[in-house]
Amino acid sequence: MTLEELRKKALFQNTIDTWIMLCEENNAEWYSPENYKKFMAHLFQNGLKLQKFPLCIKESGGMYQRGRDKTQFAESLAQSTDPNAAAYTIRLSDETIKIIRQFNPSVVA
């Protein structure tokens, strides 16, 4: 699925699902909390307007791409006090998708 396909489901998405779709587009691994935090830092550095998203971890989704458990990923993020580990709501406009795609998860160490 692409970010545009995700946008067709709903214009506003949570950043965890957005992160997973970006990684899927780039055929990159999404299951790293550290890389997710770097992605979030990228969004904030580019001035995107994000609203805290009260993600219910138990309802965030079960098994996902490559057999990974999205719930466990969200729980690992919840253990951190880093604001970049939180889930946010993001509006998937064309400009926002352009900024999201400027982050390349495959080059993150």
PDB file of N, CA and C in Angstrom:
ATOM      1  N   MET A   1       0.844  -1.176   0.000  1.00  0.00           N
ATOM      2  CA  MET A   1       0.000   0.000   0.000  1.00  0.00           C
ATOM      3  C   MET A   1       0.892   1.243   0.000  1.00  0.00           C
ATOM      4  N   THR A   2       0.458   2.278  -0.684  1.00  0.00           N
ATOM      5  CA  THR A   2       1.208   3.525  -0.729  1.00  0.00           C
ATOM      6  C   THR A   2       0.602   4.536   0.241  1.00  0.00           C
ATOM      7  N   LEU A   3       1.306   5.633   0.436  1.00  0.00           N
ATOM      8  CA  LEU A   3       0.774   6.698   1.284  1.00  0.00           C
ATOM      9  C   LEU A   3      -0.504   7.286   0.692  1.00  0.00           C
ATOM     10  N   GLU A   4      -0.575   7.370  -0.636  1.00  0.00           N
ATOM     11  CA  GLU A   4      -1.808   7.871  -1.265  1.00  0.00           C
ATOM     12  C   GLU A   4      -2.986   6.924  -1.010  1.00  0.00           C
ATOM     13  N   GLU A   5      -2.729   5.633  -1.045  1.00  0.00           N
ATOM     14  CA  GLU A   5      -3.790   4.658  -0.751  1.00  0.00           C
ATOM     15  C   GLU A   5      -4.218   4.757   0.707  1.00  0.00           C
ATOM     16  N   LEU A   6      -3.259   4.987   1.595  1.00  0.00           N
ATOM     17  CA  LEU A   6      -3.588   5.180   3.003  1.00  0.00           C
ATOM     18  C   LEU A   6      -4.451   6.423   3.168  1.00  0.00           C
ATOM     19  N   ARG A   7      -4.122   7.491   2.441  1.00  0.00           N
ATOM     20  CA  ARG A   7      -4.889   8.740   2.502  1.00  0.00           C
ATOM     21  C   ARG A   7      -6.322   8.527   2.028  1.00  0.00           C
ATOM     22  N   LYS A   8      -6.527   7.644   1.049  1.00  0.00           N
ATOM     23  CA  LYS A   8      -7.881   7.375   0.563  1.00  0.00           C
ATOM     24  C   LYS A   8      -8.757   6.775   1.659  1.00  0.00           C
ATOM     25  N   LYS A   9      -8.147   6.039   2.590  1.00  0.00           N
ATOM     26  CA  LYS A   9      -8.914   5.464   3.703  1.00  0.00           C
ATOM     27  C   LYS A   9      -9.373   6.556   4.655  1.00  0.00           C
ATOM     28  N   ALA A  10      -8.492   7.530   4.913  1.00  0.00           N
ATOM     29  CA  ALA A  10      -8.816   8.670   5.772  1.00  0.00           C
ATOM     30  C   ALA A  10      -7.723   9.713   5.585  1.00  0.00           C
ATOM     31  N   LEU A  11      -8.118  10.970   5.467  1.00  0.00           N
ATOM     32  CA  LEU A  11      -7.167  12.052   5.259  1.00  0.00           C
ATOM     33  C   LEU A  11      -6.233  12.209   6.458  1.00  0.00           C
ATOM     34  N   PHE A  12      -6.762  11.988   7.656  1.00  0.00           N
ATOM     35  CA  PHE A  12      -5.949  12.064   8.864  1.00  0.00           C
ATOM     36  C   PHE A  12      -5.604  10.643   9.302  1.00  0.00           C
ATOM     37  N   GLN A  13      -4.311  10.408   9.521  1.00  0.00           N
ATOM     38  CA  GLN A  13      -3.829   9.093   9.920  1.00  0.00           C
ATOM     39  C   GLN A  13      -2.942   9.239  11.151  1.00  0.00           C
ATOM     40  N   ASN A  14      -2.690   8.121  11.817  1.00  0.00           N
ATOM     41  CA  ASN A  14      -1.730   8.187  12.912  1.00  0.00           C
ATOM     42  C   ASN A  14      -0.337   7.968  12.343  1.00  0.00           C
ATOM     43  N   THR A  15       0.647   8.486  13.050  1.00  0.00           N
ATOM     44  CA  THR A  15       2.012   8.461  12.527  1.00  0.00           C
ATOM     45  C   THR A  15       2.615   7.060  12.511  1.00  0.00           C
ATOM     46  N   ILE A  16       2.130   6.157  13.331  1.00  0.00           N
ATOM     47  CA  ILE A  16       2.652   4.785  13.297  1.00  0.00           C
ATOM     48  C   ILE A  16       2.254   4.118  11.980  1.00  0.00           C
ATOM     49  N   ASP A  17       0.995   4.222  11.596  1.00  0.00           N
ATOM     50  CA  ASP A  17       0.563   3.647  10.314  1.00  0.00           C
ATOM     51  C   ASP A  17       1.251   4.343   9.142  1.00  0.00           C
ATOM     52  N   THR A  18       1.454   5.647   9.257  1.00  0.00           N
ATOM     53  CA  THR A  18       2.143   6.395   8.213  1.00  0.00           C
ATOM     54  C   THR A  18       3.585   5.918   8.080  1.00  0.00           C
ATOM     55  N   TRP A  19       4.245   5.704   9.214  1.00  0.00           N
ATOM     56  CA  TRP A  19       5.619   5.185   9.235  1.00  0.00           C
ATOM     57  C   TRP A  19       5.684   3.812   8.560  1.00  0.00           C
ATOM     58  N   ILE A  20       4.748   2.951   8.894  1.00  0.00           N
ATOM     59  CA  ILE A  20       4.734   1.600   8.319  1.00  0.00           C
ATOM     60  C   ILE A  20       4.546   1.670   6.802  1.00  0.00           C
ATOM     61  N   MET A  21       3.650   2.540   6.335  1.00  0.00           N
ATOM     62  CA  MET A  21       3.421   2.663   4.890  1.00  0.00           C
ATOM     63  C   MET A  21       4.654   3.217   4.177  1.00  0.00           C
ATOM     64  N   LEU A  22       5.334   4.186   4.797  1.00  0.00           N
ATOM     65  CA  LEU A  22       6.557   4.716   4.195  1.00  0.00           C
ATOM     66  C   LEU A  22       7.598   3.610   4.054  1.00  0.00           C
ATOM     67  N   CYS A  23       7.760   2.831   5.100  1.00  0.00           N
ATOM     68  CA  CYS A  23       8.727   1.730   5.047  1.00  0.00           C
ATOM     69  C   CYS A  23       8.328   0.697   4.005  1.00  0.00           C
ATOM     70  N   GLU A  24       7.026   0.420   3.912  1.00  0.00           N
ATOM     71  CA  GLU A  24       6.548  -0.531   2.912  1.00  0.00           C
ATOM     72  C   GLU A  24       6.865  -0.037   1.505  1.00  0.00           C
ATOM     73  N   GLU A  25       6.646   1.249   1.256  1.00  0.00           N
ATOM     74  CA  GLU A  25       6.967   1.820  -0.054  1.00  0.00           C
ATOM     75  C   GLU A  25       8.450   1.658  -0.390  1.00  0.00           C
ATOM     76  N   ASN A  26       9.297   1.770   0.627  1.00  0.00           N
ATOM     77  CA  ASN A  26      10.745   1.706   0.435  1.00  0.00           C
ATOM     78  C   ASN A  26      11.310   0.312   0.675  1.00  0.00           C
ATOM     79  N   ASN A  27      10.417  -0.657   0.891  1.00  0.00           N
ATOM     80  CA  ASN A  27      10.847  -2.024   1.174  1.00  0.00           C
ATOM     81  C   ASN A  27      11.877  -2.057   2.311  1.00  0.00           C
ATOM     82  N   ALA A  28      11.580  -1.283   3.353  1.00  0.00           N
ATOM     83  CA  ALA A  28      12.468  -1.166   4.507  1.00  0.00           C
ATOM     84  C   ALA A  28      11.778  -1.736   5.749  1.00  0.00           C
ATOM     85  N   GLU A  29      12.559  -2.087   6.734  1.00  0.00           N
ATOM     86  CA  GLU A  29      12.048  -2.626   7.997  1.00  0.00           C
ATOM     87  C   GLU A  29      11.449  -1.494   8.834  1.00  0.00           C
ATOM     88  N   TRP A  30      10.236  -1.676   9.328  1.00  0.00           N
ATOM     89  CA  TRP A  30       9.561  -0.645  10.114  1.00  0.00           C
ATOM     90  C   TRP A  30       9.619  -0.900  11.612  1.00  0.00           C
ATOM     91  N   TYR A  31      10.106  -2.027  12.037  1.00  0.00           N
ATOM     92  CA  TYR A  31       9.938  -2.474  13.418  1.00  0.00           C
ATOM     93  C   TYR A  31      10.977  -1.897  14.396  1.00  0.00           C
ATOM     94  N   SER A  32      11.703  -0.869  14.036  1.00  0.00           N
ATOM     95  CA  SER A  32      12.705  -0.273  14.914  1.00  0.00           C
ATOM     96  C   SER A  32      12.152   0.980  15.596  1.00  0.00           C
ATOM     97  N   PRO A  33      11.960   0.930  16.917  1.00  0.00           N
ATOM     98  CA  PRO A  33      11.504   2.137  17.620  1.00  0.00           C
ATOM     99  C   PRO A  33      12.474   3.312  17.446  1.00  0.00           C
ATOM    100  N   GLU A  34      13.761   3.027  17.378  1.00  0.00           N
ATOM    101  CA  GLU A  34      14.745   4.104  17.205  1.00  0.00           C
ATOM    102  C   GLU A  34      14.578   4.781  15.846  1.00  0.00           C
ATOM    103  N   ASN A  35      14.333   4.019  14.810  1.00  0.00           N
ATOM    104  CA  ASN A  35      14.123   4.611  13.486  1.00  0.00           C
ATOM    105  C   ASN A  35      12.811   5.381  13.421  1.00  0.00           C
ATOM    106  N   TYR A  36      11.784   4.887  14.109  1.00  0.00           N
ATOM    107  CA  TYR A  36      10.520   5.621  14.176  1.00  0.00           C
ATOM    108  C   TYR A  36      10.747   6.979  14.839  1.00  0.00           C
ATOM    109  N   LYS A  37      11.517   7.007  15.911  1.00  0.00           N
ATOM    110  CA  LYS A  37      11.799   8.270  16.598  1.00  0.00           C
ATOM    111  C   LYS A  37      12.567   9.228  15.685  1.00  0.00           C
ATOM    112  N   LYS A  38      13.471   8.715  14.874  1.00  0.00           N
ATOM    113  CA  LYS A  38      14.190   9.563  13.917  1.00  0.00           C
ATOM    114  C   LYS A  38      13.230  10.101  12.849  1.00  0.00           C
ATOM    115  N   PHE A  39      12.285   9.262  12.445  1.00  0.00           N
ATOM    116  CA  PHE A  39      11.261   9.690  11.494  1.00  0.00           C
ATOM    117  C   PHE A  39      10.433  10.825  12.088  1.00  0.00           C
ATOM    118  N   MET A  40      10.031  10.666  13.335  1.00  0.00           N
ATOM    119  CA  MET A  40       9.240  11.707  13.986  1.00  0.00           C
ATOM    120  C   MET A  40      10.038  12.996  14.123  1.00  0.00           C
ATOM    121  N   ALA A  41      11.319  12.894  14.447  1.00  0.00           N
ATOM    122  CA  ALA A  41      12.170  14.086  14.526  1.00  0.00           C
ATOM    123  C   ALA A  41      12.199  14.798  13.172  1.00  0.00           C
ATOM    124  N   HIS A  42      12.271  14.020  12.090  1.00  0.00           N
ATOM    125  CA  HIS A  42      12.253  14.577  10.735  1.00  0.00           C
ATOM    126  C   HIS A  42      10.955  15.363  10.500  1.00  0.00           C
ATOM    127  N   LEU A  43       9.820  14.803  10.909  1.00  0.00           N
ATOM    128  CA  LEU A  43       8.541  15.487  10.717  1.00  0.00           C
ATOM    129  C   LEU A  43       8.504  16.795  11.498  1.00  0.00           C
ATOM    130  N   PHE A  44       8.944  16.769  12.751  1.00  0.00           N
ATOM    131  CA  PHE A  44       8.952  17.983  13.568  1.00  0.00           C
ATOM    132  C   PHE A  44       9.925  19.023  13.001  1.00  0.00           C
ATOM    133  N   GLN A  45      11.098  18.589  12.563  1.00  0.00           N
ATOM    134  CA  GLN A  45      12.098  19.511  12.007  1.00  0.00           C
ATOM    135  C   GLN A  45      11.595  20.197  10.742  1.00  0.00           C
ATOM    136  N   ASN A  46      10.678  19.547  10.049  1.00  0.00           N
ATOM    137  CA  ASN A  46      10.114  20.127   8.829  1.00  0.00           C
ATOM    138  C   ASN A  46       8.833  20.908   9.094  1.00  0.00           C
ATOM    139  N   GLY A  47       8.525  21.125  10.362  1.00  0.00           N
ATOM    140  CA  GLY A  47       7.422  21.996  10.739  1.00  0.00           C
ATOM    141  C   GLY A  47       6.029  21.454  10.507  1.00  0.00           C
ATOM    142  N   LEU A  48       5.891  20.139  10.399  1.00  0.00           N
ATOM    143  CA  LEU A  48       4.553  19.582  10.204  1.00  0.00           C
ATOM    144  C   LEU A  48       3.719  19.737  11.471  1.00  0.00           C
ATOM    145  N   LYS A  49       2.459  20.019  11.272  1.00  0.00           N
ATOM    146  CA  LYS A  49       1.535  20.179  12.382  1.00  0.00           C
ATOM    147  C   LYS A  49       1.021  18.802  12.786  1.00  0.00           C
ATOM    148  N   LEU A  50       1.350  18.395  13.999  1.00  0.00           N
ATOM    149  CA  LEU A  50       0.968  17.077  14.494  1.00  0.00           C
ATOM    150  C   LEU A  50       0.197  17.240  15.794  1.00  0.00           C
ATOM    151  N   GLN A  51      -0.807  16.420  15.971  1.00  0.00           N
ATOM    152  CA  GLN A  51      -1.586  16.411  17.204  1.00  0.00           C
ATOM    153  C   GLN A  51      -1.387  15.068  17.895  1.00  0.00           C
ATOM    154  N   LYS A  52      -1.192  15.106  19.216  1.00  0.00           N
ATOM    155  CA  LYS A  52      -1.051  13.841  19.960  1.00  0.00           C
ATOM    156  C   LYS A  52      -2.255  12.966  19.663  1.00  0.00           C
ATOM    157  N   PHE A  53      -1.987  11.686  19.469  1.00  0.00           N
ATOM    158  CA  PHE A  53      -3.018  10.720  19.113  1.00  0.00           C
ATOM    159  C   PHE A  53      -3.132   9.712  20.254  1.00  0.00           C
ATOM    160  N   PRO A  54      -4.277   9.655  20.914  1.00  0.00           N
ATOM    161  CA  PRO A  54      -4.432   8.705  22.026  1.00  0.00           C
ATOM    162  C   PRO A  54      -4.604   7.278  21.501  1.00  0.00           C
ATOM    163  N   LEU A  55      -3.501   6.680  21.081  1.00  0.00           N
ATOM    164  CA  LEU A  55      -3.526   5.348  20.486  1.00  0.00           C
ATOM    165  C   LEU A  55      -3.782   4.303  21.566  1.00  0.00           C
ATOM    166  N   CYS A  56      -4.838   3.545  21.381  1.00  0.00           N
ATOM    167  CA  CYS A  56      -5.109   2.418  22.270  1.00  0.00           C
ATOM    168  C   CYS A  56      -4.238   1.266  21.779  1.00  0.00           C
ATOM    169  N   ILE A  57      -3.233   0.937  22.548  1.00  0.00           N
ATOM    170  CA  ILE A  57      -2.253  -0.055  22.112  1.00  0.00           C
ATOM    171  C   ILE A  57      -2.906  -1.380  21.771  1.00  0.00           C
ATOM    172  N   LYS A  58      -3.848  -1.823  22.558  1.00  0.00           N
ATOM    173  CA  LYS A  58      -4.475  -3.121  22.313  1.00  0.00           C
ATOM    174  C   LYS A  58      -5.304  -3.131  21.036  1.00  0.00           C
ATOM    175  N   GLU A  59      -5.697  -1.950  20.538  1.00  0.00           N
ATOM    176  CA  GLU A  59      -6.512  -1.883  19.331  1.00  0.00           C
ATOM    177  C   GLU A  59      -5.732  -1.324  18.147  1.00  0.00           C
ATOM    178  N   SER A  60      -4.407  -1.215  18.280  1.00  0.00           N
ATOM    179  CA  SER A  60      -3.615  -0.602  17.219  1.00  0.00           C
ATOM    180  C   SER A  60      -3.394  -1.541  16.041  1.00  0.00           C
ATOM    181  N   GLY A  61      -3.778  -2.765  16.174  1.00  0.00           N
ATOM    182  CA  GLY A  61      -3.603  -3.717  15.079  1.00  0.00           C
ATOM    183  C   GLY A  61      -2.756  -4.876  15.538  1.00  0.00           C
ATOM    184  N   GLY A  62      -3.015  -6.022  15.005  1.00  0.00           N
ATOM    185  CA  GLY A  62      -2.275  -7.212  15.401  1.00  0.00           C
ATOM    186  C   GLY A  62      -1.083  -7.451  14.508  1.00  0.00           C
ATOM    187  N   MET A  63      -1.045  -8.623  13.932  1.00  0.00           N
ATOM    188  CA  MET A  63       0.083  -8.977  13.069  1.00  0.00           C
ATOM    189  C   MET A  63       0.039  -8.116  11.809  1.00  0.00           C
ATOM    190  N   TYR A  64       1.204  -7.719  11.361  1.00  0.00           N
ATOM    191  CA  TYR A  64       1.283  -6.854  10.199  1.00  0.00           C
ATOM    192  C   TYR A  64       2.350  -7.381   9.266  1.00  0.00           C
ATOM    193  N   GLN A  65       2.839  -6.520   8.436  1.00  0.00           N
ATOM    194  CA  GLN A  65       3.825  -6.854   7.414  1.00  0.00           C
ATOM    195  C   GLN A  65       4.946  -7.733   7.963  1.00  0.00           C
ATOM    196  N   ARG A  66       5.261  -8.775   7.206  1.00  0.00           N
ATOM    197  CA  ARG A  66       6.343  -9.697   7.534  1.00  0.00           C
ATOM    198  C   ARG A  66       6.160 -10.349   8.904  1.00  0.00           C
ATOM    199  N   GLY A  67       4.904 -10.490   9.325  1.00  0.00           N
ATOM    200  CA  GLY A  67       4.621 -11.183  10.571  1.00  0.00           C
ATOM    201  C   GLY A  67       4.960 -10.404  11.823  1.00  0.00           C
ATOM    202  N   ARG A  68       5.208  -9.105  11.705  1.00  0.00           N
ATOM    203  CA  ARG A  68       5.537  -8.292  12.869  1.00  0.00           C
ATOM    204  C   ARG A  68       4.259  -7.890  13.593  1.00  0.00           C
ATOM    205  N   ASP A  69       4.354  -7.731  14.882  1.00  0.00           N
ATOM    206  CA  ASP A  69       3.202  -7.374  15.695  1.00  0.00           C
ATOM    207  C   ASP A  69       3.221  -5.875  15.966  1.00  0.00           C
ATOM    208  N   LYS A  70       2.275  -5.158  15.375  1.00  0.00           N
ATOM    209  CA  LYS A  70       2.197  -3.707  15.535  1.00  0.00           C
ATOM    210  C   LYS A  70       1.897  -3.329  16.978  1.00  0.00           C
ATOM    211  N   THR A  71       1.140  -4.157  17.692  1.00  0.00           N
ATOM    212  CA  THR A  71       0.830  -3.881  19.089  1.00  0.00           C
ATOM    213  C   THR A  71       2.100  -3.895  19.929  1.00  0.00           C
ATOM    214  N   GLN A  72       2.966  -4.878  19.719  1.00  0.00           N
ATOM    215  CA  GLN A  72       4.229  -4.925  20.461  1.00  0.00           C
ATOM    216  C   GLN A  72       5.103  -3.725  20.121  1.00  0.00           C
ATOM    217  N   PHE A  73       5.108  -3.311  18.867  1.00  0.00           N
ATOM    218  CA  PHE A  73       5.871  -2.130  18.460  1.00  0.00           C
ATOM    219  C   PHE A  73       5.359  -0.901  19.212  1.00  0.00           C
ATOM    220  N   ALA A  74       4.053  -0.702  19.240  1.00  0.00           N
ATOM    221  CA  ALA A  74       3.461   0.446  19.934  1.00  0.00           C
ATOM    222  C   ALA A  74       3.746   0.378  21.433  1.00  0.00           C
ATOM    223  N   GLU A  75       3.715  -0.814  22.011  1.00  0.00           N
ATOM    224  CA  GLU A  75       4.021  -0.957  23.434  1.00  0.00           C
ATOM    225  C   GLU A  75       5.475  -0.595  23.724  1.00  0.00           C
ATOM    226  N   SER A  76       6.383  -0.964  22.832  1.00  0.00           N
ATOM    227  CA  SER A  76       7.788  -0.610  23.041  1.00  0.00           C
ATOM    228  C   SER A  76       7.970   0.908  22.952  1.00  0.00           C
ATOM    229  N   LEU A  77       7.245   1.573  22.069  1.00  0.00           N
ATOM    230  CA  LEU A  77       7.301   3.034  21.992  1.00  0.00           C
ATOM    231  C   LEU A  77       6.722   3.673  23.252  1.00  0.00           C
ATOM    232  N   ALA A  78       5.678   3.074  23.796  1.00  0.00           N
ATOM    233  CA  ALA A  78       5.016   3.624  24.978  1.00  0.00           C
ATOM    234  C   ALA A  78       5.917   3.610  26.207  1.00  0.00           C
ATOM    235  N   GLN A  79       6.946   2.786  26.197  1.00  0.00           N
ATOM    236  CA  GLN A  79       7.869   2.713  27.327  1.00  0.00           C
ATOM    237  C   GLN A  79       8.786   3.936  27.400  1.00  0.00           C
ATOM    238  N   SER A  80       8.878   4.680  26.308  1.00  0.00           N
ATOM    239  CA  SER A  80       9.787   5.823  26.221  1.00  0.00           C
ATOM    240  C   SER A  80       9.077   7.116  26.608  1.00  0.00           C
ATOM    241  N   THR A  81       9.834   8.021  27.235  1.00  0.00           N
ATOM    242  CA  THR A  81       9.305   9.349  27.539  1.00  0.00           C
ATOM    243  C   THR A  81       9.671  10.355  26.454  1.00  0.00           C
ATOM    244  N   ASP A  82      10.411   9.917  25.451  1.00  0.00           N
ATOM    245  CA  ASP A  82      10.807  10.767  24.331  1.00  0.00           C
ATOM    246  C   ASP A  82       9.549  11.175  23.554  1.00  0.00           C
ATOM    247  N   PRO A  83       9.320  12.473  23.340  1.00  0.00           N
ATOM    248  CA  PRO A  83       8.140  12.891  22.570  1.00  0.00           C
ATOM    249  C   PRO A  83       8.116  12.316  21.153  1.00  0.00           C
ATOM    250  N   ASN A  84       9.278  11.971  20.626  1.00  0.00           N
ATOM    251  CA  ASN A  84       9.334  11.371  19.294  1.00  0.00           C
ATOM    252  C   ASN A  84       8.865   9.921  19.278  1.00  0.00           C
ATOM    253  N   ALA A  85       8.645   9.338  20.445  1.00  0.00           N
ATOM    254  CA  ALA A  85       8.158   7.961  20.520  1.00  0.00           C
ATOM    255  C   ALA A  85       6.636   7.896  20.566  1.00  0.00           C
ATOM    256  N   ALA A  86       5.987   9.034  20.662  1.00  0.00           N
ATOM    257  CA  ALA A  86       4.526   9.066  20.772  1.00  0.00           C
ATOM    258  C   ALA A  86       3.875   8.930  19.398  1.00  0.00           C
ATOM    259  N   ALA A  87       2.600   8.613  19.413  1.00  0.00           N
ATOM    260  CA  ALA A  87       1.802   8.576  18.191  1.00  0.00           C
ATOM    261  C   ALA A  87       1.087   9.915  18.051  1.00  0.00           C
ATOM    262  N   TYR A  88       1.029  10.385  16.826  1.00  0.00           N
ATOM    263  CA  TYR A  88       0.393  11.655  16.525  1.00  0.00           C
ATOM    264  C   TYR A  88      -0.561  11.467  15.359  1.00  0.00           C
ATOM    265  N   THR A  89      -1.479  12.415  15.209  1.00  0.00           N
ATOM    266  CA  THR A  89      -2.347  12.465  14.045  1.00  0.00           C
ATOM    267  C   THR A  89      -1.692  13.389  13.033  1.00  0.00           C
ATOM    268  N   ILE A  90      -1.691  12.959  11.791  1.00  0.00           N
ATOM    269  CA  ILE A  90      -1.074  13.735  10.727  1.00  0.00           C
ATOM    270  C   ILE A  90      -2.023  13.802   9.540  1.00  0.00           C
ATOM    271  N   ARG A  91      -2.113  14.978   8.940  1.00  0.00           N
ATOM    272  CA  ARG A  91      -2.959  15.173   7.758  1.00  0.00           C
ATOM    273  C   ARG A  91      -2.115  14.852   6.526  1.00  0.00           C
ATOM    274  N   LEU A  92      -2.540  13.889   5.748  1.00  0.00           N
ATOM    275  CA  LEU A  92      -1.769  13.422   4.601  1.00  0.00           C
ATOM    276  C   LEU A  92      -2.079  14.240   3.340  1.00  0.00           C
ATOM    277  N   SER A  93      -1.710  15.512   3.378  1.00  0.00           N
ATOM    278  CA  SER A  93      -1.833  16.355   2.186  1.00  0.00           C
ATOM    279  C   SER A  93      -0.695  16.010   1.234  1.00  0.00           C
ATOM    280  N   ASP A  94      -0.767  16.525   0.006  1.00  0.00           N
ATOM    281  CA  ASP A  94       0.304  16.276  -0.959  1.00  0.00           C
ATOM    282  C   ASP A  94       1.641  16.778  -0.424  1.00  0.00           C
ATOM    283  N   GLU A  95       1.649  17.975   0.174  1.00  0.00           N
ATOM    284  CA  GLU A  95       2.889  18.552   0.714  1.00  0.00           C
ATOM    285  C   GLU A  95       3.427  17.713   1.868  1.00  0.00           C
ATOM    286  N   THR A  96       2.540  17.228   2.732  1.00  0.00           N
ATOM    287  CA  THR A  96       2.973  16.393   3.848  1.00  0.00           C
ATOM    288  C   THR A  96       3.574  15.082   3.339  1.00  0.00           C
ATOM    289  N   ILE A  97       2.941  14.467   2.370  1.00  0.00           N
ATOM    290  CA  ILE A  97       3.476  13.222   1.802  1.00  0.00           C
ATOM    291  C   ILE A  97       4.852  13.470   1.190  1.00  0.00           C
ATOM    292  N   LYS A  98       5.033  14.626   0.547  1.00  0.00           N
ATOM    293  CA  LYS A  98       6.331  14.966  -0.024  1.00  0.00           C
ATOM    294  C   LYS A  98       7.399  15.031   1.088  1.00  0.00           C
ATOM    295  N   ILE A  99       7.085  15.680   2.193  1.00  0.00           N
ATOM    296  CA  ILE A  99       8.023  15.775   3.325  1.00  0.00           C
ATOM    297  C   ILE A  99       8.287  14.399   3.925  1.00  0.00           C
ATOM    298  N   ILE A 100       7.244  13.601   4.072  1.00  0.00           N
ATOM    299  CA  ILE A 100       7.397  12.244   4.612  1.00  0.00           C
ATOM    300  C   ILE A 100       8.364  11.446   3.741  1.00  0.00           C
ATOM    301  N   ARG A 101       8.202  11.547   2.445  1.00  0.00           N
ATOM    302  CA  ARG A 101       9.046  10.771   1.523  1.00  0.00           C
ATOM    303  C   ARG A 101      10.491  11.264   1.463  1.00  0.00           C
ATOM    304  N   GLN A 102      10.749  12.456   1.957  1.00  0.00           N
ATOM    305  CA  GLN A 102      12.120  12.945   2.019  1.00  0.00           C
ATOM    306  C   GLN A 102      12.925  12.187   3.067  1.00  0.00           C
ATOM    307  N   PHE A 103      12.245  11.549   4.002  1.00  0.00           N
ATOM    308  CA  PHE A 103      12.913  10.707   4.987  1.00  0.00           C
ATOM    309  C   PHE A 103      13.084   9.324   4.382  1.00  0.00           C
ATOM    310  N   ASN A 104      14.296   8.861   4.317  1.00  0.00           N
ATOM    311  CA  ASN A 104      14.560   7.555   3.705  1.00  0.00           C
ATOM    312  C   ASN A 104      14.935   6.553   4.800  1.00  0.00           C
ATOM    313  N   PRO A 105      13.998   5.694   5.183  1.00  0.00           N
ATOM    314  CA  PRO A 105      14.278   4.745   6.278  1.00  0.00           C
ATOM    315  C   PRO A 105      15.368   3.745   5.959  1.00  0.00           C
ATOM    316  N   SER A 106      15.654   3.528   4.695  1.00  0.00           N
ATOM    317  CA  SER A 106      16.667   2.538   4.353  1.00  0.00           C
ATOM    318  C   SER A 106      18.088   3.034   4.621  1.00  0.00           C
ATOM    319  N   VAL A 107      18.260   4.341   4.808  1.00  0.00           N
ATOM    320  CA  VAL A 107      19.598   4.854   5.086  1.00  0.00           C
ATOM    321  C   VAL A 107      19.804   5.140   6.568  1.00  0.00           C
ATOM    322  N   VAL A 108      18.783   4.919   7.379  1.00  0.00           N
ATOM    323  CA  VAL A 108      18.909   5.135   8.823  1.00  0.00           C
ATOM    324  C   VAL A 108      19.707   3.985   9.414  1.00  0.00           C
ATOM    325  N   ALA A 109      20.682   4.343  10.221  1.00  0.00           N
ATOM    326  CA  ALA A 109      21.521   3.303  10.849  1.00  0.00           C
ATOM    327  C   ALA A 109      20.818   2.673  12.017  1.00  0.00           C
TER     328      ALA A 109
END
